[in-house]
Amino acid sequence: MKLLDFLFLLLIVILFIFLTSGIYLLFKNLQKEAIEFETYNLKFSENVSEKSIQFYPNMRYQEASIGYYLEPNCSPKKKNDAKQAFEILNQKTRQQKKLQ
């Protein structure tokens, strides 16, 4: 019987510690003052010249050829649109290489 009383008391102490720790963390995080964020003005120019170099050698990928995968459950229209987009990118990047 004494062992059960000891385990019950230990359980109560552990629960009390968890409860007080949780309440402390809750109040510590809830009592923060509101932070006023500064407005961010994006300086974006749509006037990008055709000769600007977007793809540098070894910029992100070691290989110049980047593969892609289209899910089988993708609609035929989306597959066709994606393939056309990749073809346009392929043509544009080849033009960039010729300009260099």
N, C-alpha and C. Protein backbone atom coordinates (compact mmCIF):
# COMPACT_ATOMS: atom_id res chain seq x y z
N MET A 1 0.81 -1.20 0.00
CA MET A 1 0.00 0.00 0.00
C MET A 1 0.85 1.25 0.00
N LYS A 2 1.97 1.20 0.71
CA LYS A 2 2.82 2.39 0.77
C LYS A 2 3.41 2.71 -0.60
N LEU A 3 3.69 1.69 -1.39
CA LEU A 3 4.24 1.91 -2.72
C LEU A 3 3.23 2.62 -3.61
N LEU A 4 1.96 2.21 -3.54
CA LEU A 4 0.91 2.87 -4.32
C LEU A 4 0.71 4.31 -3.87
N ASP A 5 0.79 4.55 -2.57
CA ASP A 5 0.66 5.92 -2.07
C ASP A 5 1.82 6.78 -2.57
N PHE A 6 3.01 6.20 -2.54
CA PHE A 6 4.18 6.95 -3.02
C PHE A 6 4.06 7.25 -4.52
N LEU A 7 3.65 6.28 -5.34
CA LEU A 7 3.50 6.50 -6.78
C LEU A 7 2.39 7.52 -7.07
N PHE A 8 1.33 7.46 -6.30
CA PHE A 8 0.24 8.44 -6.47
C PHE A 8 0.73 9.84 -6.12
N LEU A 9 1.48 9.98 -5.03
CA LEU A 9 2.03 11.27 -4.65
C LEU A 9 3.03 11.77 -5.69
N LEU A 10 3.83 10.88 -6.21
CA LEU A 10 4.80 11.24 -7.26
C LEU A 10 4.07 11.70 -8.52
N LEU A 11 3.02 11.03 -8.88
CA LEU A 11 2.22 11.42 -10.04
C LEU A 11 1.60 12.80 -9.84
N ILE A 12 1.09 13.05 -8.65
CA ILE A 12 0.50 14.36 -8.35
C ILE A 12 1.55 15.45 -8.44
N VAL A 13 2.75 15.20 -7.92
CA VAL A 13 3.84 16.19 -7.97
C VAL A 13 4.25 16.46 -9.41
N ILE A 14 4.38 15.42 -10.21
CA ILE A 14 4.76 15.58 -11.62
C ILE A 14 3.69 16.35 -12.38
N LEU A 15 2.43 16.02 -12.14
CA LEU A 15 1.34 16.76 -12.80
C LEU A 15 1.33 18.23 -12.37
N PHE A 16 1.60 18.49 -11.10
CA PHE A 16 1.65 19.85 -10.60
C PHE A 16 2.78 20.63 -11.27
N ILE A 17 3.93 19.99 -11.42
CA ILE A 17 5.08 20.64 -12.08
C ILE A 17 4.74 20.95 -13.53
N PHE A 18 4.16 19.99 -14.25
CA PHE A 18 3.77 20.23 -15.65
C PHE A 18 2.72 21.33 -15.76
N LEU A 19 1.76 21.32 -14.86
CA LEU A 19 0.70 22.33 -14.90
C LEU A 19 1.26 23.72 -14.63
N THR A 20 2.08 23.85 -13.61
CA THR A 20 2.65 25.18 -13.31
C THR A 20 3.61 25.63 -14.41
N SER A 21 4.38 24.71 -14.98
CA SER A 21 5.27 25.09 -16.08
C SER A 21 4.47 25.54 -17.29
N GLY A 22 3.40 24.83 -17.60
CA GLY A 22 2.56 25.21 -18.74
C GLY A 22 1.91 26.56 -18.54
N ILE A 23 1.40 26.81 -17.32
CA ILE A 23 0.78 28.11 -17.04
C ILE A 23 1.82 29.22 -17.11
N TYR A 24 3.02 28.98 -16.58
CA TYR A 24 4.09 29.97 -16.64
C TYR A 24 4.44 30.31 -18.09
N LEU A 25 4.64 29.28 -18.93
CA LEU A 25 4.98 29.52 -20.33
C LEU A 25 3.84 30.22 -21.08
N LEU A 26 2.62 29.87 -20.76
CA LEU A 26 1.47 30.50 -21.40
C LEU A 26 1.42 31.98 -21.07
N PHE A 27 1.53 32.33 -19.81
CA PHE A 27 1.48 33.74 -19.42
C PHE A 27 2.72 34.50 -19.89
N LYS A 28 3.85 33.84 -19.94
CA LYS A 28 5.07 34.50 -20.41
C LYS A 28 4.94 34.89 -21.88
N ASN A 29 4.30 34.03 -22.66
CA ASN A 29 4.16 34.30 -24.09
C ASN A 29 2.95 35.18 -24.40
N LEU A 30 1.94 35.19 -23.57
CA LEU A 30 0.75 35.99 -23.84
C LEU A 30 0.90 37.44 -23.41
N GLN A 31 1.79 37.74 -22.52
CA GLN A 31 1.91 39.09 -21.99
C GLN A 31 2.88 39.95 -22.79
N LYS A 32 3.13 39.61 -24.01
CA LYS A 32 4.01 40.40 -24.87
C LYS A 32 3.27 41.60 -25.42
N GLU A 33 3.99 42.67 -25.62
CA GLU A 33 3.39 43.85 -26.24
C GLU A 33 3.32 43.63 -27.74
N ALA A 34 2.37 44.30 -28.35
CA ALA A 34 2.22 44.19 -29.80
C ALA A 34 3.42 44.87 -30.48
N ILE A 35 3.89 44.26 -31.54
CA ILE A 35 5.03 44.80 -32.28
C ILE A 35 4.51 45.48 -33.54
N GLU A 36 4.89 46.71 -33.72
CA GLU A 36 4.53 47.44 -34.93
C GLU A 36 5.59 47.15 -36.00
N PHE A 37 5.18 46.52 -37.07
CA PHE A 37 6.12 46.23 -38.15
C PHE A 37 6.20 47.41 -39.09
N GLU A 38 7.39 47.62 -39.62
CA GLU A 38 7.59 48.70 -40.58
C GLU A 38 7.02 48.29 -41.93
N THR A 39 6.55 49.25 -42.68
CA THR A 39 6.07 48.94 -44.02
C THR A 39 7.28 48.71 -44.91
N TYR A 40 7.15 47.75 -45.78
CA TYR A 40 8.23 47.41 -46.70
C TYR A 40 7.82 47.80 -48.10
N ASN A 41 8.61 48.65 -48.70
CA ASN A 41 8.34 49.09 -50.07
C ASN A 41 9.25 48.34 -51.02
N LEU A 42 8.64 47.54 -51.85
CA LEU A 42 9.40 46.76 -52.81
C LEU A 42 9.79 47.64 -53.98
N LYS A 43 11.07 47.65 -54.27
CA LYS A 43 11.56 48.42 -55.42
C LYS A 43 11.74 47.45 -56.57
N PHE A 44 10.72 47.33 -57.36
CA PHE A 44 10.71 46.36 -58.46
C PHE A 44 10.53 47.11 -59.77
N SER A 45 11.36 46.79 -60.71
CA SER A 45 11.27 47.44 -62.01
C SER A 45 10.85 46.41 -63.05
N GLU A 46 9.83 46.74 -63.81
CA GLU A 46 9.40 45.83 -64.87
C GLU A 46 10.20 46.04 -66.15
N ASN A 47 11.04 47.03 -66.16
CA ASN A 47 11.83 47.33 -67.35
C ASN A 47 13.15 46.58 -67.32
N VAL A 48 13.09 45.29 -67.47
CA VAL A 48 14.28 44.46 -67.50
C VAL A 48 14.70 44.32 -68.95
N SER A 49 15.95 44.62 -69.21
CA SER A 49 16.41 44.57 -70.59
C SER A 49 16.52 43.13 -71.06
N GLU A 50 16.40 42.95 -72.36
CA GLU A 50 16.48 41.61 -72.94
C GLU A 50 17.88 41.02 -72.80
N LYS A 51 18.89 41.89 -72.66
CA LYS A 51 20.26 41.40 -72.59
C LYS A 51 20.71 41.12 -71.16
N SER A 52 19.83 41.32 -70.20
CA SER A 52 20.23 41.05 -68.82
C SER A 52 20.43 39.54 -68.66
N ILE A 53 21.46 39.18 -67.94
CA ILE A 53 21.80 37.77 -67.78
C ILE A 53 21.08 37.25 -66.55
N GLN A 54 20.21 36.30 -66.78
CA GLN A 54 19.48 35.71 -65.67
C GLN A 54 20.16 34.43 -65.20
N PHE A 55 20.70 33.68 -66.11
CA PHE A 55 21.27 32.39 -65.77
C PHE A 55 22.78 32.44 -65.93
N TYR A 56 23.47 32.34 -64.83
CA TYR A 56 24.92 32.30 -64.84
C TYR A 56 25.37 30.84 -64.79
N PRO A 57 26.53 30.52 -65.30
CA PRO A 57 27.01 29.14 -65.19
C PRO A 57 27.17 28.76 -63.72
N ASN A 58 26.71 27.59 -63.36
CA ASN A 58 26.80 27.05 -62.00
C ASN A 58 26.15 27.96 -60.96
N MET A 59 25.13 28.72 -61.39
CA MET A 59 24.48 29.63 -60.45
C MET A 59 23.79 28.85 -59.34
N ARG A 60 23.02 27.87 -59.70
CA ARG A 60 22.28 27.12 -58.72
C ARG A 60 22.47 25.61 -58.90
N TYR A 61 22.52 25.19 -60.11
CA TYR A 61 22.62 23.77 -60.41
C TYR A 61 23.94 23.49 -61.10
N GLN A 62 24.52 22.36 -60.79
CA GLN A 62 25.78 22.02 -61.42
C GLN A 62 25.59 21.64 -62.88
N GLU A 63 24.44 21.05 -63.20
CA GLU A 63 24.16 20.64 -64.56
C GLU A 63 23.32 21.70 -65.26
N ALA A 64 23.56 21.90 -66.54
CA ALA A 64 22.78 22.88 -67.30
C ALA A 64 21.38 22.34 -67.60
N SER A 65 21.24 21.04 -67.66
CA SER A 65 19.95 20.42 -67.95
C SER A 65 19.22 20.12 -66.64
N ILE A 66 18.02 20.67 -66.50
CA ILE A 66 17.23 20.46 -65.29
C ILE A 66 16.00 19.64 -65.67
N GLY A 67 15.83 18.50 -65.04
CA GLY A 67 14.70 17.63 -65.34
C GLY A 67 13.44 18.05 -64.60
N TYR A 68 12.32 17.56 -65.05
CA TYR A 68 11.04 17.83 -64.40
C TYR A 68 10.17 16.61 -64.52
N TYR A 69 9.13 16.56 -63.69
CA TYR A 69 8.22 15.43 -63.67
C TYR A 69 6.80 15.96 -63.58
N LEU A 70 5.93 15.45 -64.41
CA LEU A 70 4.52 15.83 -64.37
C LEU A 70 3.71 14.64 -63.83
N GLU A 71 2.89 14.90 -62.85
CA GLU A 71 2.08 13.86 -62.23
C GLU A 71 1.14 13.23 -63.27
N PRO A 72 0.93 11.93 -63.20
CA PRO A 72 0.02 11.29 -64.15
C PRO A 72 -1.43 11.78 -64.04
N ASN A 73 -1.85 12.21 -62.86
CA ASN A 73 -3.23 12.68 -62.71
C ASN A 73 -3.39 14.15 -63.10
N CYS A 74 -2.36 14.75 -63.65
CA CYS A 74 -2.42 16.13 -64.12
C CYS A 74 -3.25 16.17 -65.42
N SER A 75 -4.05 17.21 -65.56
CA SER A 75 -4.91 17.29 -66.75
C SER A 75 -4.05 17.52 -68.01
N PRO A 76 -4.54 17.06 -69.17
CA PRO A 76 -3.78 17.24 -70.41
C PRO A 76 -3.49 18.72 -70.71
N LYS A 77 -4.42 19.60 -70.40
CA LYS A 77 -4.20 21.03 -70.64
C LYS A 77 -3.04 21.55 -69.81
N LYS A 78 -3.02 21.17 -68.52
CA LYS A 78 -1.93 21.62 -67.65
C LYS A 78 -0.59 21.03 -68.09
N LYS A 79 -0.61 19.76 -68.51
CA LYS A 79 0.63 19.14 -69.01
C LYS A 79 1.15 19.89 -70.24
N ASN A 80 0.23 20.21 -71.15
CA ASN A 80 0.61 20.92 -72.36
C ASN A 80 1.12 22.32 -72.02
N ASP A 81 0.44 23.02 -71.11
CA ASP A 81 0.87 24.36 -70.71
C ASP A 81 2.26 24.32 -70.08
N ALA A 82 2.51 23.33 -69.23
CA ALA A 82 3.81 23.20 -68.59
C ALA A 82 4.90 22.92 -69.61
N LYS A 83 4.61 22.03 -70.56
CA LYS A 83 5.61 21.72 -71.59
C LYS A 83 5.92 22.93 -72.45
N GLN A 84 4.88 23.71 -72.78
CA GLN A 84 5.10 24.94 -73.56
C GLN A 84 5.94 25.94 -72.76
N ALA A 85 5.65 26.07 -71.48
CA ALA A 85 6.41 26.99 -70.63
C ALA A 85 7.87 26.57 -70.54
N PHE A 86 8.11 25.26 -70.38
CA PHE A 86 9.49 24.78 -70.32
C PHE A 86 10.20 24.99 -71.65
N GLU A 87 9.49 24.85 -72.73
CA GLU A 87 10.09 25.08 -74.05
C GLU A 87 10.46 26.56 -74.22
N ILE A 88 9.59 27.45 -73.77
CA ILE A 88 9.89 28.89 -73.84
C ILE A 88 11.12 29.21 -73.01
N LEU A 89 11.18 28.66 -71.79
CA LEU A 89 12.36 28.88 -70.94
C LEU A 89 13.62 28.32 -71.59
N ASN A 90 13.49 27.16 -72.21
CA ASN A 90 14.63 26.55 -72.87
C ASN A 90 15.13 27.44 -74.00
N GLN A 91 14.21 27.97 -74.81
CA GLN A 91 14.60 28.85 -75.91
C GLN A 91 15.23 30.14 -75.39
N LYS A 92 14.65 30.72 -74.34
CA LYS A 92 15.19 31.97 -73.79
C LYS A 92 16.57 31.78 -73.20
N THR A 93 16.79 30.66 -72.50
CA THR A 93 18.10 30.45 -71.91
C THR A 93 19.14 30.14 -72.97
N ARG A 94 18.73 29.49 -74.05
CA ARG A 94 19.69 29.25 -75.13
C ARG A 94 20.07 30.57 -75.80
N GLN A 95 19.10 31.48 -75.91
CA GLN A 95 19.39 32.81 -76.46
C GLN A 95 20.35 33.55 -75.55
N GLN A 96 20.19 33.42 -74.25
CA GLN A 96 21.07 34.07 -73.31
C GLN A 96 22.50 33.56 -73.48
N LYS A 97 22.66 32.24 -73.67
CA LYS A 97 23.99 31.67 -73.85
C LYS A 97 24.64 32.18 -75.13
N LYS A 98 23.83 32.35 -76.19
CA LYS A 98 24.38 32.83 -77.47
C LYS A 98 24.83 34.27 -77.35
N LEU A 99 24.14 35.07 -76.51
CA LEU A 99 24.52 36.47 -76.34
C LEU A 99 25.83 36.62 -75.58
N GLN A 100 26.16 35.64 -74.80
CA GLN A 100 27.40 35.73 -74.02
C GLN A 100 28.53 35.40 -74.92
